[in-house]
């Protein structure tokens, strides 16, 4: 007793759209996206700058 083969699907379902972010989150994302260094990112999210003997460290 074998099962009959399933019909082939020729079209893929559309990918679900990501949920719309509120304006404050969009602004935060844009600020993080435009940050050039890890210390700029840290400042945006309210962390202390990363320091070391040889200058700022990239850790994010």
N, C-alpha and C. Protein backbone atom coordinates (compact mmCIF):
# COMPACT_ATOMS: atom_id res chain seq x y z
N UNK A 1 0.83 -1.18 0.00
CA UNK A 1 0.00 0.00 0.00
C UNK A 1 0.88 1.24 0.00
N UNK A 2 1.10 1.77 -1.15
CA UNK A 2 1.89 2.99 -1.23
C UNK A 2 0.97 4.18 -1.45
N UNK A 3 1.38 5.30 -0.95
CA UNK A 3 0.59 6.52 -1.11
C UNK A 3 0.83 7.08 -2.51
N UNK A 4 -0.20 7.68 -3.09
CA UNK A 4 0.01 8.29 -4.41
C UNK A 4 0.94 9.51 -4.27
N UNK A 5 1.73 9.79 -5.31
CA UNK A 5 2.65 10.93 -5.22
C UNK A 5 1.87 12.24 -5.08
N UNK A 6 2.47 13.16 -4.34
CA UNK A 6 1.84 14.47 -4.15
C UNK A 6 2.02 15.31 -5.42
N UNK A 7 1.06 16.17 -5.72
CA UNK A 7 1.22 17.03 -6.91
C UNK A 7 2.37 18.01 -6.71
N UNK A 8 3.03 18.35 -7.81
CA UNK A 8 4.15 19.28 -7.75
C UNK A 8 3.64 20.71 -7.55
N UNK A 9 4.35 21.45 -6.76
CA UNK A 9 4.02 22.85 -6.55
C UNK A 9 4.95 23.66 -7.44
N UNK A 10 4.39 24.42 -8.36
CA UNK A 10 5.21 25.17 -9.29
C UNK A 10 5.45 26.61 -8.83
N UNK A 11 4.61 27.11 -7.95
CA UNK A 11 4.79 28.47 -7.47
C UNK A 11 5.15 28.44 -6.00
N UNK A 12 6.06 29.31 -5.62
CA UNK A 12 6.43 29.40 -4.21
C UNK A 12 5.55 30.45 -3.54
N UNK A 13 5.18 30.20 -2.31
CA UNK A 13 4.36 31.21 -1.62
C UNK A 13 5.17 32.48 -1.39
N UNK A 14 4.48 33.60 -1.37
CA UNK A 14 5.15 34.88 -1.16
C UNK A 14 5.73 34.92 0.25
N UNK A 15 6.90 35.51 0.37
CA UNK A 15 7.53 35.65 1.68
C UNK A 15 6.71 36.63 2.52
N UNK A 16 6.54 36.34 3.79
CA UNK A 16 5.77 37.27 4.63
C UNK A 16 6.50 38.59 4.78
N UNK A 17 5.74 39.68 4.80
CA UNK A 17 6.34 41.00 4.94
C UNK A 17 6.75 41.20 6.39
N UNK A 18 7.92 41.80 6.62
CA UNK A 18 8.33 42.05 8.01
C UNK A 18 7.38 43.08 8.63
N UNK A 19 7.16 42.99 9.94
CA UNK A 19 6.26 43.94 10.57
C UNK A 19 6.83 45.36 10.50
N UNK A 20 5.96 46.33 10.39
CA UNK A 20 6.37 47.74 10.31
C UNK A 20 6.85 48.20 11.68
N UNK A 21 8.01 48.84 11.73
CA UNK A 21 8.58 49.34 12.98
C UNK A 21 8.01 50.71 13.30
N UNK A 22 7.93 51.03 14.59
CA UNK A 22 7.47 52.36 14.95
C UNK A 22 8.58 53.37 14.64
N UNK A 23 8.25 54.65 14.64
CA UNK A 23 9.20 55.67 14.19
C UNK A 23 10.43 55.76 15.08
N UNK A 24 10.28 55.56 16.39
CA UNK A 24 11.44 55.62 17.30
C UNK A 24 12.43 54.50 16.98
N UNK A 25 11.91 53.30 16.71
CA UNK A 25 12.78 52.18 16.37
C UNK A 25 13.46 52.41 15.03
N UNK A 26 12.72 52.96 14.06
CA UNK A 26 13.31 53.25 12.76
C UNK A 26 14.44 54.27 12.89
N UNK A 27 14.26 55.28 13.73
CA UNK A 27 15.31 56.28 13.94
C UNK A 27 16.55 55.65 14.57
N UNK A 28 16.34 54.77 15.57
CA UNK A 28 17.45 54.09 16.22
C UNK A 28 18.21 53.23 15.21
N UNK A 29 17.48 52.50 14.39
CA UNK A 29 18.10 51.64 13.38
C UNK A 29 18.93 52.49 12.41
N UNK A 30 18.38 53.62 11.98
CA UNK A 30 19.12 54.48 11.05
C UNK A 30 20.38 55.05 11.70
N UNK A 31 20.28 55.44 12.97
CA UNK A 31 21.47 55.96 13.66
C UNK A 31 22.53 54.88 13.78
N UNK A 32 22.12 53.65 14.12
CA UNK A 32 23.08 52.55 14.23
C UNK A 32 23.67 52.21 12.86
N UNK A 33 22.84 52.26 11.83
CA UNK A 33 23.31 51.94 10.48
C UNK A 33 24.35 52.95 10.01
N UNK A 34 24.21 54.20 10.42
CA UNK A 34 25.14 55.23 9.96
C UNK A 34 26.38 55.35 10.84
N UNK A 35 26.41 54.65 11.98
CA UNK A 35 27.58 54.69 12.86
C UNK A 35 28.77 54.05 12.16
N UNK A 36 29.93 54.67 12.31
CA UNK A 36 31.13 54.17 11.64
C UNK A 36 32.01 53.32 12.53
N UNK A 37 31.94 53.52 13.84
CA UNK A 37 32.81 52.78 14.74
C UNK A 37 31.99 52.13 15.85
N UNK A 38 32.62 51.20 16.53
CA UNK A 38 31.97 50.54 17.65
C UNK A 38 31.65 51.54 18.76
N UNK A 39 32.51 52.53 18.96
CA UNK A 39 32.24 53.51 20.00
C UNK A 39 31.05 54.39 19.64
N UNK A 40 30.83 54.67 18.38
CA UNK A 40 29.63 55.42 17.99
C UNK A 40 28.39 54.57 18.27
N UNK A 41 28.46 53.27 17.99
CA UNK A 41 27.33 52.39 18.29
C UNK A 41 27.07 52.35 19.79
N UNK A 42 28.14 52.24 20.58
CA UNK A 42 28.00 52.19 22.03
C UNK A 42 27.34 53.46 22.55
N UNK A 43 27.74 54.60 22.01
CA UNK A 43 27.16 55.87 22.44
C UNK A 43 25.67 55.93 22.12
N UNK A 44 25.28 55.44 20.96
CA UNK A 44 23.87 55.48 20.54
C UNK A 44 23.01 54.66 21.49
N UNK A 45 23.49 53.49 21.91
CA UNK A 45 22.69 52.63 22.78
C UNK A 45 22.94 52.88 24.26
N UNK A 46 23.80 53.85 24.58
CA UNK A 46 24.00 54.24 25.98
C UNK A 46 25.05 53.47 26.73
N UNK A 47 26.01 52.89 26.05
CA UNK A 47 27.10 52.18 26.71
C UNK A 47 28.33 53.07 26.80
N UNK A 48 29.24 52.69 27.69
CA UNK A 48 30.51 53.42 27.80
C UNK A 48 31.38 53.11 26.60
N UNK A 49 32.25 54.06 26.21
CA UNK A 49 33.15 53.77 25.08
C UNK A 49 34.14 52.67 25.43
N UNK A 50 34.58 51.97 24.41
CA UNK A 50 35.55 50.89 24.59
C UNK A 50 36.93 51.51 24.46
N UNK A 51 37.76 51.30 25.47
CA UNK A 51 39.11 51.87 25.44
C UNK A 51 40.13 50.79 25.70
N UNK A 52 41.34 51.03 25.25
CA UNK A 52 42.43 50.10 25.48
C UNK A 52 43.75 50.82 25.33
N UNK A 53 44.83 50.13 25.59
CA UNK A 53 46.14 50.77 25.51
C UNK A 53 46.47 51.23 24.11
N UNK A 54 45.94 50.55 23.11
CA UNK A 54 46.26 50.92 21.73
C UNK A 54 45.09 51.64 21.06
N UNK A 55 44.23 52.28 21.83
CA UNK A 55 43.13 53.03 21.26
C UNK A 55 41.81 52.29 21.36
N UNK A 56 40.77 52.84 20.73
CA UNK A 56 39.46 52.21 20.80
C UNK A 56 39.47 50.79 20.24
N UNK A 57 38.69 49.93 20.83
CA UNK A 57 38.59 48.54 20.38
C UNK A 57 37.25 48.30 19.71
N UNK A 58 37.22 47.47 18.71
CA UNK A 58 35.97 47.12 18.04
C UNK A 58 35.50 45.81 18.66
N UNK A 59 34.32 45.86 19.30
CA UNK A 59 33.81 44.66 19.95
C UNK A 59 32.34 44.41 19.65
N UNK A 60 31.72 45.22 18.82
CA UNK A 60 30.30 45.05 18.55
C UNK A 60 30.10 44.54 17.14
